[in-house]
N, C-alpha and C. Protein backbone atom coordinates (compact mmCIF):
# COMPACT_ATOMS: atom_id res chain seq x y z
N MET A 1 0.30 107.80 140.99
CA MET A 1 -0.84 107.44 142.16
C MET A 1 -1.68 106.66 141.12
N VAL A 2 -2.43 105.78 141.80
CA VAL A 2 -3.25 104.86 141.38
C VAL A 2 -4.84 105.40 141.95
N LEU A 3 -5.62 105.27 140.99
CA LEU A 3 -7.10 105.67 141.54
C LEU A 3 -7.70 104.72 141.79
N ARG A 4 -8.81 104.91 142.23
CA ARG A 4 -9.41 103.61 142.95
C ARG A 4 -11.04 103.74 142.27
N LEU A 5 -11.57 103.15 141.26
CA LEU A 5 -13.00 103.06 140.70
C LEU A 5 -13.60 102.03 141.35
N SER A 6 -14.55 102.79 142.14
CA SER A 6 -15.41 101.44 142.69
C SER A 6 -16.55 100.82 141.77
N ASP A 7 -17.21 101.29 140.40
CA ASP A 7 -18.16 100.58 139.41
C ASP A 7 -17.93 101.57 138.21
N ASP A 8 -19.13 100.77 137.43
CA ASP A 8 -18.79 101.33 135.89
C ASP A 8 -19.00 102.59 135.64
N ALA A 9 -19.97 103.64 136.69
CA ALA A 9 -20.23 104.86 136.56
C ALA A 9 -19.18 105.65 136.91
N ALA A 10 -18.36 105.37 137.76
CA ALA A 10 -16.97 105.77 138.21
C ALA A 10 -15.85 105.82 136.97
N VAL A 11 -15.65 104.88 136.20
CA VAL A 11 -14.87 104.37 135.05
C VAL A 11 -15.33 105.16 133.84
N SER A 12 -16.59 105.77 133.97
CA SER A 12 -17.09 106.50 133.08
C SER A 12 -16.69 108.17 133.44
N ALA A 13 -16.70 108.61 134.70
CA ALA A 13 -16.55 109.65 134.81
C ALA A 13 -15.33 110.09 135.31
N ALA A 14 -14.37 108.74 135.25
CA ALA A 14 -12.96 108.83 135.19
C ALA A 14 -12.37 109.44 133.89
N ARG A 15 -13.33 108.64 132.74
CA ARG A 15 -12.80 108.92 131.51
C ARG A 15 -12.92 110.45 131.37
N SER A 16 -13.70 111.02 131.40
CA SER A 16 -14.04 112.18 131.19
C SER A 16 -13.42 113.35 131.69
N VAL A 17 -12.34 112.97 132.91
CA VAL A 17 -11.03 113.75 133.44
C VAL A 17 -9.95 113.06 133.14
N HIS A 18 -9.91 111.72 132.76
CA HIS A 18 -8.65 111.66 132.15
C HIS A 18 -8.97 110.66 130.95
N PRO A 19 -8.39 111.53 130.05
CA PRO A 19 -8.42 111.09 129.00
C PRO A 19 -7.54 109.73 128.21
N TRP A 20 -6.56 109.68 129.02
CA TRP A 20 -5.55 108.21 128.86
C TRP A 20 -5.80 107.64 130.30
N LEU A 21 -6.66 106.36 130.04
CA LEU A 21 -6.59 105.76 131.15
C LEU A 21 -6.43 104.32 131.00
N LEU A 22 -5.27 103.66 132.23
CA LEU A 22 -4.85 102.57 131.88
C LEU A 22 -5.67 101.86 133.21
N LEU A 23 -6.48 100.81 133.24
CA LEU A 23 -7.38 100.21 134.09
C LEU A 23 -6.85 98.69 134.19
N MET A 24 -6.96 98.46 135.64
CA MET A 24 -6.28 96.71 136.52
C MET A 24 -7.99 96.66 136.88
N VAL A 25 -8.60 95.84 136.30
CA VAL A 25 -9.64 95.10 136.84
C VAL A 25 -9.53 93.82 137.20
N HIS A 26 -9.68 93.83 138.68
CA HIS A 26 -9.21 93.04 139.92
C HIS A 26 -10.41 92.38 140.75
N VAL A 27 -9.75 91.53 141.70
CA VAL A 27 -10.87 91.57 142.45
C VAL A 27 -10.01 91.06 143.99
N GLU A 28 -10.00 91.68 145.33
CA GLU A 28 -9.25 91.55 146.16
C GLU A 28 -9.26 90.34 146.55
N TRP A 29 -9.71 89.10 146.45
CA TRP A 29 -9.40 87.71 147.40
C TRP A 29 -8.63 87.01 146.26
N ASP A 30 -8.56 87.57 145.03
CA ASP A 30 -7.80 86.30 143.99
C ASP A 30 -6.47 86.55 144.38
N HIS A 31 -5.76 85.67 143.95
CA HIS A 31 -3.82 85.34 144.20
C HIS A 31 -3.64 86.34 143.22
N ALA A 32 -3.83 85.61 141.87
CA ALA A 32 -3.27 86.11 140.93
C ALA A 32 -3.04 88.40 141.06
N CYS A 33 -4.28 88.45 141.39
CA CYS A 33 -4.68 90.16 140.95
C CYS A 33 -3.58 90.53 142.34
N ARG A 34 -3.40 89.45 143.81
CA ARG A 34 -2.79 90.32 144.55
C ARG A 34 -1.39 90.11 144.21
N LEU A 35 -0.69 89.31 143.18
CA LEU A 35 0.44 89.63 142.78
C LEU A 35 0.61 90.69 141.40
N ALA A 36 -0.02 90.74 140.89
CA ALA A 36 0.08 91.75 140.16
C ALA A 36 -0.15 93.34 140.25
N LEU A 37 -0.49 93.37 141.73
CA LEU A 37 -0.89 94.81 142.26
C LEU A 37 0.34 95.89 142.43
N PRO A 38 1.58 94.75 142.88
CA PRO A 38 2.48 95.64 142.94
C PRO A 38 3.24 96.14 141.90
N HIS A 39 3.15 95.20 140.81
CA HIS A 39 3.96 95.63 139.31
C HIS A 39 2.75 96.58 139.18
N PHE A 40 1.53 96.66 138.98
CA PHE A 40 0.80 97.69 138.67
C PHE A 40 0.93 99.36 139.03
N ARG A 41 1.28 98.72 140.39
CA ARG A 41 1.64 100.44 141.73
C ARG A 41 2.76 100.88 141.00
N ALA A 42 3.68 99.95 140.71
CA ALA A 42 5.04 100.68 140.49
C ALA A 42 5.04 101.20 138.89
N ALA A 43 4.63 100.72 138.00
CA ALA A 43 4.39 101.24 136.61
C ALA A 43 3.44 102.82 136.74
N ALA A 44 2.61 102.88 137.58
CA ALA A 44 2.09 104.10 137.57
C ALA A 44 2.67 105.01 138.60
N ASP A 45 3.93 104.67 139.62
CA ASP A 45 4.82 105.37 139.95
C ASP A 45 5.81 106.03 139.02
N ALA A 46 6.33 104.77 137.94
CA ALA A 46 6.93 105.41 136.80
C ALA A 46 6.46 106.23 136.07
N TRP A 47 5.48 106.23 135.43
CA TRP A 47 4.58 106.80 134.49
C TRP A 47 3.78 107.83 134.59
N GLY A 48 2.99 107.88 135.72
CA GLY A 48 1.67 108.30 135.82
C GLY A 48 2.33 109.86 136.91
N ALA A 49 2.51 110.63 135.60
CA ALA A 49 2.48 112.19 136.27
C ALA A 49 1.63 112.78 135.23
N PRO A 50 1.42 114.47 135.91
CA PRO A 50 0.02 115.20 135.42
C PRO A 50 0.64 114.99 133.90
N GLY A 51 -0.42 114.71 133.19
CA GLY A 51 -0.36 115.10 131.79
C GLY A 51 -0.36 113.39 130.68
N ASN A 52 0.29 112.46 131.95
CA ASN A 52 0.57 111.15 131.33
C ASN A 52 -0.99 110.62 131.47
N VAL A 53 -0.23 109.00 130.99
CA VAL A 53 -1.74 108.11 131.42
C VAL A 53 -2.13 108.28 132.99
N SER A 54 -3.27 108.05 133.53
CA SER A 54 -3.80 107.88 134.45
C SER A 54 -4.08 106.00 134.93
N PHE A 55 -3.92 105.89 135.92
CA PHE A 55 -3.68 104.39 135.99
C PHE A 55 -4.93 104.17 137.38
N ALA A 56 -5.50 103.13 137.31
CA ALA A 56 -6.94 103.18 137.91
C ALA A 56 -7.00 101.12 138.32
N LEU A 57 -7.60 101.34 139.35
CA LEU A 57 -8.02 100.15 139.65
C LEU A 57 -9.17 99.86 139.81
N VAL A 58 -10.28 98.69 139.36
CA VAL A 58 -11.51 98.50 139.26
C VAL A 58 -12.07 97.65 139.73
N ASP A 59 -12.95 97.38 140.82
CA ASP A 59 -13.30 95.86 141.60
C ASP A 59 -14.21 95.36 140.32
N ALA A 60 -13.53 94.17 139.87
CA ALA A 60 -14.36 93.64 138.84
C ALA A 60 -16.06 93.24 139.35
N ALA A 61 -16.23 92.70 140.80
CA ALA A 61 -17.60 92.33 141.09
C ALA A 61 -18.53 93.62 141.07
N TYR A 62 -18.21 94.95 141.15
CA TYR A 62 -19.21 96.24 140.60
C TYR A 62 -18.89 96.76 139.28
N ALA A 63 -18.20 96.08 138.56
CA ALA A 63 -18.18 96.85 137.10
C ALA A 63 -18.43 95.81 136.05
N PRO A 64 -19.69 95.36 135.94
CA PRO A 64 -19.92 94.28 135.01
C PRO A 64 -19.60 94.48 133.51
N ARG A 65 -19.87 95.76 133.30
CA ARG A 65 -19.85 96.51 131.72
C ARG A 65 -17.96 96.56 131.34
N THR A 66 -17.30 96.93 132.41
CA THR A 66 -15.72 96.91 132.06
C THR A 66 -15.11 95.90 131.92
N VAL A 67 -15.80 94.85 132.75
CA VAL A 67 -15.03 93.55 132.54
C VAL A 67 -15.69 92.92 131.21
N ALA A 68 -16.72 93.10 131.11
CA ALA A 68 -17.38 92.41 129.77
C ALA A 68 -16.46 93.30 128.50
N ALA A 69 -16.21 94.36 128.42
CA ALA A 69 -15.11 95.47 127.68
C ALA A 69 -13.78 94.65 127.31
N LEU A 70 -13.69 94.22 128.13
CA LEU A 70 -12.20 93.60 127.98
C LEU A 70 -12.12 92.03 127.73
N GLY A 71 -13.32 91.73 127.80
CA GLY A 71 -13.18 90.15 127.32
C GLY A 71 -12.78 89.26 128.57
N ALA A 72 -13.12 89.79 129.74
CA ALA A 72 -12.51 88.91 130.94
C ALA A 72 -13.67 88.45 131.75
N SER A 73 -13.23 87.88 132.63
CA SER A 73 -14.46 87.04 133.70
C SER A 73 -13.76 87.14 134.79
N VAL A 74 -14.32 86.79 135.84
CA VAL A 74 -13.86 86.85 137.68
C VAL A 74 -13.12 85.68 137.64
N GLU A 75 -12.60 84.91 136.56
CA GLU A 75 -11.98 83.58 136.32
C GLU A 75 -10.89 84.11 136.20
N ARG A 76 -10.48 84.90 135.16
CA ARG A 76 -9.89 85.37 134.17
C ARG A 76 -9.15 86.62 134.44
N LEU A 77 -8.66 87.28 135.56
CA LEU A 77 -8.22 88.08 136.14
C LEU A 77 -6.77 87.95 136.99
N PRO A 78 -5.85 89.32 136.71
CA PRO A 78 -6.57 90.51 136.45
C PRO A 78 -6.50 90.66 135.07
N ALA A 79 -7.28 91.88 134.81
CA ALA A 79 -7.82 91.88 133.18
C ALA A 79 -7.18 93.65 133.29
N TYR A 80 -6.60 94.21 132.04
CA TYR A 80 -6.27 95.35 131.74
C TYR A 80 -6.79 96.00 130.77
N GLY A 81 -7.14 97.43 130.55
CA GLY A 81 -7.98 97.89 129.70
C GLY A 81 -6.69 99.73 129.31
N LEU A 82 -6.68 99.85 128.29
CA LEU A 82 -6.31 101.39 127.98
C LEU A 82 -7.72 102.44 127.36
N HIS A 83 -7.92 102.91 127.92
CA HIS A 83 -8.79 104.01 127.28
C HIS A 83 -8.51 105.20 126.78
N LEU A 84 -8.48 105.12 125.49
CA LEU A 84 -7.64 106.22 124.42
C LEU A 84 -8.86 107.56 124.20
N PRO A 85 -8.33 108.73 124.28
CA PRO A 85 -9.68 109.79 123.84
C PRO A 85 -10.94 109.32 122.54
N ASN A 86 -10.14 108.64 121.70
CA ASN A 86 -10.82 108.61 120.40
C ASN A 86 -11.81 107.09 120.31
N LEU A 87 -11.43 106.36 121.01
CA LEU A 87 -12.10 105.11 121.10
C LEU A 87 -13.56 105.20 122.27
N VAL A 88 -14.01 104.02 121.73
CA VAL A 88 -15.37 104.12 122.61
C VAL A 88 -14.99 103.16 123.71
N GLU A 89 -14.43 101.90 123.26
CA GLU A 89 -14.19 100.66 124.10
C GLU A 89 -12.62 100.93 124.39
N PRO A 90 -12.13 100.17 125.52
CA PRO A 90 -10.84 100.21 125.82
C PRO A 90 -10.13 98.90 125.44
N LEU A 91 -8.58 99.70 124.81
CA LEU A 91 -7.98 98.24 124.23
C LEU A 91 -7.55 97.31 125.27
N PRO A 92 -7.70 96.33 124.82
CA PRO A 92 -7.27 95.08 125.79
C PRO A 92 -5.80 95.04 126.13
N TYR A 93 -5.11 94.54 127.23
CA TYR A 93 -3.76 94.03 126.99
C TYR A 93 -3.76 92.73 127.87
N ARG A 94 -3.20 91.59 126.89
CA ARG A 94 -2.60 90.53 127.33
C ARG A 94 -1.34 90.20 127.54
N GLY A 95 -0.89 90.94 127.99
CA GLY A 95 0.57 90.45 128.00
C GLY A 95 0.80 90.60 129.97
N GLY A 96 2.17 90.54 129.80
CA GLY A 96 2.71 90.01 131.53
C GLY A 96 2.35 91.33 132.55
N TRP A 97 2.48 90.51 133.70
CA TRP A 97 2.36 91.66 134.79
C TRP A 97 3.35 92.77 135.07
N SER A 98 4.60 92.36 134.90
CA SER A 98 5.82 93.18 135.14
C SER A 98 5.48 94.77 134.61
N GLN A 99 6.33 95.41 135.53
CA GLN A 99 6.05 96.93 135.03
C GLN A 99 6.76 97.11 133.95
N ASP A 100 8.01 96.52 133.43
CA ASP A 100 8.73 96.64 132.02
C ASP A 100 7.56 96.14 131.07
N ALA A 101 6.93 95.42 131.36
CA ALA A 101 5.85 94.47 130.00
C ALA A 101 4.65 95.66 130.06
N LEU A 102 3.89 96.07 131.23
CA LEU A 102 2.88 97.44 130.90
C LEU A 102 3.43 98.74 130.50
N LEU A 103 4.60 98.73 130.79
CA LEU A 103 4.91 100.45 130.39
C LEU A 103 5.51 100.01 129.11
N GLY A 104 6.28 99.10 128.15
CA GLY A 104 6.40 98.85 126.98
C GLY A 104 5.18 98.70 126.01
N TRP A 105 4.28 97.82 126.26
CA TRP A 105 3.08 97.63 125.78
C TRP A 105 2.38 99.14 125.75
N LEU A 106 2.16 100.05 126.76
CA LEU A 106 1.76 101.43 126.94
C LEU A 106 2.26 102.44 125.90
N GLY A 107 3.63 102.70 125.87
CA GLY A 107 4.29 103.25 125.08
C GLY A 107 4.34 103.14 123.41
N LYS A 108 3.63 101.68 123.33
CA LYS A 108 3.62 101.48 122.07
C LYS A 108 2.10 102.22 121.55
N GLN A 109 1.21 101.67 122.36
CA GLN A 109 0.02 101.97 122.34
C GLN A 109 -0.35 103.89 122.21
N LEU A 110 0.56 104.45 122.68
CA LEU A 110 0.44 105.81 122.96
C LEU A 110 1.06 106.40 121.44
N ILE A 111 2.36 105.82 121.06
CA ILE A 111 2.63 105.98 119.35
C ILE A 111 1.86 105.92 118.50
N PHE A 112 0.83 105.18 118.72
CA PHE A 112 -0.11 104.76 117.52
C PHE A 112 -1.26 104.94 118.06
N GLU A 113 -1.57 105.95 118.60
CA GLU A 113 -3.15 106.55 119.22
C GLU A 113 -4.11 107.11 117.92
N SER A 114 -5.05 106.45 118.39
CA SER A 114 -6.16 106.52 117.26
C SER A 114 -6.11 108.25 116.66
N GLU A 115 -6.58 108.54 115.50
CA GLU A 115 -6.78 110.16 115.36
C GLU A 115 -8.00 110.37 114.79
N PRO A 116 -8.80 111.38 115.61
CA PRO A 116 -10.02 111.25 114.96
C PRO A 116 -10.21 111.79 113.50
N ILE A 117 -11.33 111.28 112.69
CA ILE A 117 -11.48 111.59 111.56
C ILE A 117 -12.38 112.91 111.27
N ASN A 118 -11.80 114.03 110.81
CA ASN A 118 -12.47 115.05 110.62
C ASN A 118 -12.68 115.78 109.16
N SER A 119 -12.45 114.70 108.41
CA SER A 119 -12.35 114.84 106.98
C SER A 119 -13.07 113.78 106.43
N PHE A 120 -14.06 114.15 105.30
CA PHE A 120 -14.56 113.11 104.42
C PHE A 120 -13.29 112.28 103.41
N HIS A 121 -12.74 113.07 103.43
CA HIS A 121 -11.43 112.82 102.40
C HIS A 121 -10.33 111.70 102.65
N PRO A 122 -10.07 110.26 102.59
CA PRO A 122 -9.70 109.58 103.16
C PRO A 122 -8.01 109.82 103.11
N CYS A 123 -7.54 110.14 102.24
CA CYS A 123 -6.30 111.03 102.42
C CYS A 123 -5.98 111.98 103.16
N ASP A 124 -6.55 112.89 103.63
CA ASP A 124 -6.41 114.03 104.63
C ASP A 124 -6.08 113.26 105.84
N SER A 125 -7.06 112.74 106.38
CA SER A 125 -7.05 111.70 107.70
C SER A 125 -5.62 111.04 107.52
N SER A 126 -5.87 110.07 106.37
CA SER A 126 -4.50 109.30 106.67
C SER A 126 -2.91 109.88 106.97
N LEU A 127 -3.04 110.98 106.12
CA LEU A 127 -1.77 112.07 106.02
C LEU A 127 -1.47 112.93 107.48
N ARG A 128 -2.50 112.91 108.36
CA ARG A 128 -2.34 113.57 109.54
C ARG A 128 -2.15 112.52 110.58
N ILE A 129 -2.79 111.54 110.41
CA ILE A 129 -2.00 110.06 111.22
C ILE A 129 -0.67 109.50 110.74
N ILE A 130 -0.19 109.47 109.77
CA ILE A 130 1.51 109.35 109.35
C ILE A 130 1.90 110.53 110.22
N ARG A 131 1.27 111.85 109.85
CA ARG A 131 2.62 113.34 110.27
C ARG A 131 2.48 112.83 111.91
N ARG A 132 1.80 112.60 112.74
CA ARG A 132 1.33 112.21 113.93
C ARG A 132 2.43 111.40 114.52
N ILE A 133 2.07 110.28 113.63
CA ILE A 133 2.67 109.27 114.38
C ILE A 133 4.62 109.35 114.00
N ILE A 134 4.63 110.20 113.04
CA ILE A 134 6.26 110.77 112.89
C ILE A 134 6.73 111.49 113.95
N ARG A 135 6.03 112.58 113.97
CA ARG A 135 6.26 113.33 115.19
C ARG A 135 6.45 112.49 116.88
N ARG A 136 5.52 111.60 116.91
CA ARG A 136 5.67 111.06 118.21
C ARG A 136 7.17 110.18 118.49
N ILE A 137 7.58 109.34 117.19
CA ILE A 137 8.48 108.72 117.02
C ILE A 137 9.51 109.45 117.18
N VAL A 138 9.51 110.69 116.36
CA VAL A 138 11.18 111.55 116.37
C VAL A 138 11.03 112.25 117.75
N ARG A 139 9.83 112.52 118.25
CA ARG A 139 9.95 113.19 119.56
C ARG A 139 10.52 112.04 121.42
N ARG A 140 10.09 110.95 120.37
CA ARG A 140 9.97 109.80 122.01
C ARG A 140 11.48 109.05 121.77
N ILE A 141 11.74 108.82 120.32
CA ILE A 141 12.68 107.39 120.49
C ILE A 141 13.93 108.31 119.90
N ILE A 142 13.86 108.94 118.85
CA ILE A 142 15.01 109.51 118.43
C ILE A 142 16.09 110.31 118.99
N PRO A 143 17.03 110.24 119.36
CA PRO A 143 17.92 111.01 120.31
C PRO A 143 18.30 112.24 119.60
N CYS A 144 18.35 113.51 119.97
CA CYS A 144 18.88 114.50 119.14
C CYS A 144 20.48 114.25 118.91
N ILE A 145 21.14 114.21 117.40
CA ILE A 145 21.93 113.90 117.26
C ILE A 145 23.00 115.41 116.75
N ILE A 146 22.29 116.21 116.52
CA ILE A 146 22.96 118.07 116.26
C ILE A 146 23.57 118.36 117.47
N PRO A 147 24.63 118.86 117.39
CA PRO A 147 25.29 119.23 119.08
C PRO A 147 24.89 120.54 119.31
N CYS A 148 24.89 120.70 120.73
CA CYS A 148 24.12 121.33 121.56
C CYS A 148 24.06 122.91 121.33
N SER A 149 25.63 123.39 120.85
CA SER A 149 25.68 124.65 120.16
C SER A 149 24.82 125.13 119.10
N ILE A 150 24.23 124.29 117.89
CA ILE A 150 23.75 124.57 116.96
C ILE A 150 21.67 124.68 117.51
N PRO A 151 21.03 125.63 116.94
CA PRO A 151 19.92 125.33 117.45
C PRO A 151 18.95 124.01 116.80
N CYS A 152 18.43 123.31 117.82
CA CYS A 152 17.67 122.09 117.62
C CYS A 152 16.40 122.52 117.28
N ILE A 153 15.38 121.61 116.32
CA ILE A 153 14.04 121.92 116.24
C ILE A 153 13.38 120.91 117.37
N PHE A 154 14.38 119.96 117.80
CA PHE A 154 13.90 118.80 118.79
C PHE A 154 14.18 118.93 120.04
N PRO A 155 12.98 119.11 120.86
CA PRO A 155 13.36 119.23 122.39
C PRO A 155 14.45 117.95 122.73
N HIS A 156 14.90 118.42 124.14
CA HIS A 156 15.91 117.25 124.50
C HIS A 156 15.13 116.72 125.75
């Protein structure tokens, strides 16, 4: 499912409900935006399950702050950005329009998602970030190589 966000206020409201939000900023009349839209919808259908990343369309004409945050302009659309819980500004995406390109980039961003710093000691936060990255890599990339008859600490 793809959300439709009408303006910057709607983007801010959606961020409070959807911690991981991938935006496609577009205008209805632009040919490139019309070509990219089916790929964005297909990526949303493939990835957008409850608890995953939410996908949203934003009309560039009514969301100037969002357009500026992505470094885009009406002449350079569509523009994509990923809002993560611990970042103020979205991460801009400058890759291809295909579903595979979008989802490949999205997967990489979520593996290395930023970690909030709750400690003043730099080693504490760095170790937490490293542990979190390793956990995500193990859970998402490395398949279980232990036979299923043996209790496995990794989910299948």
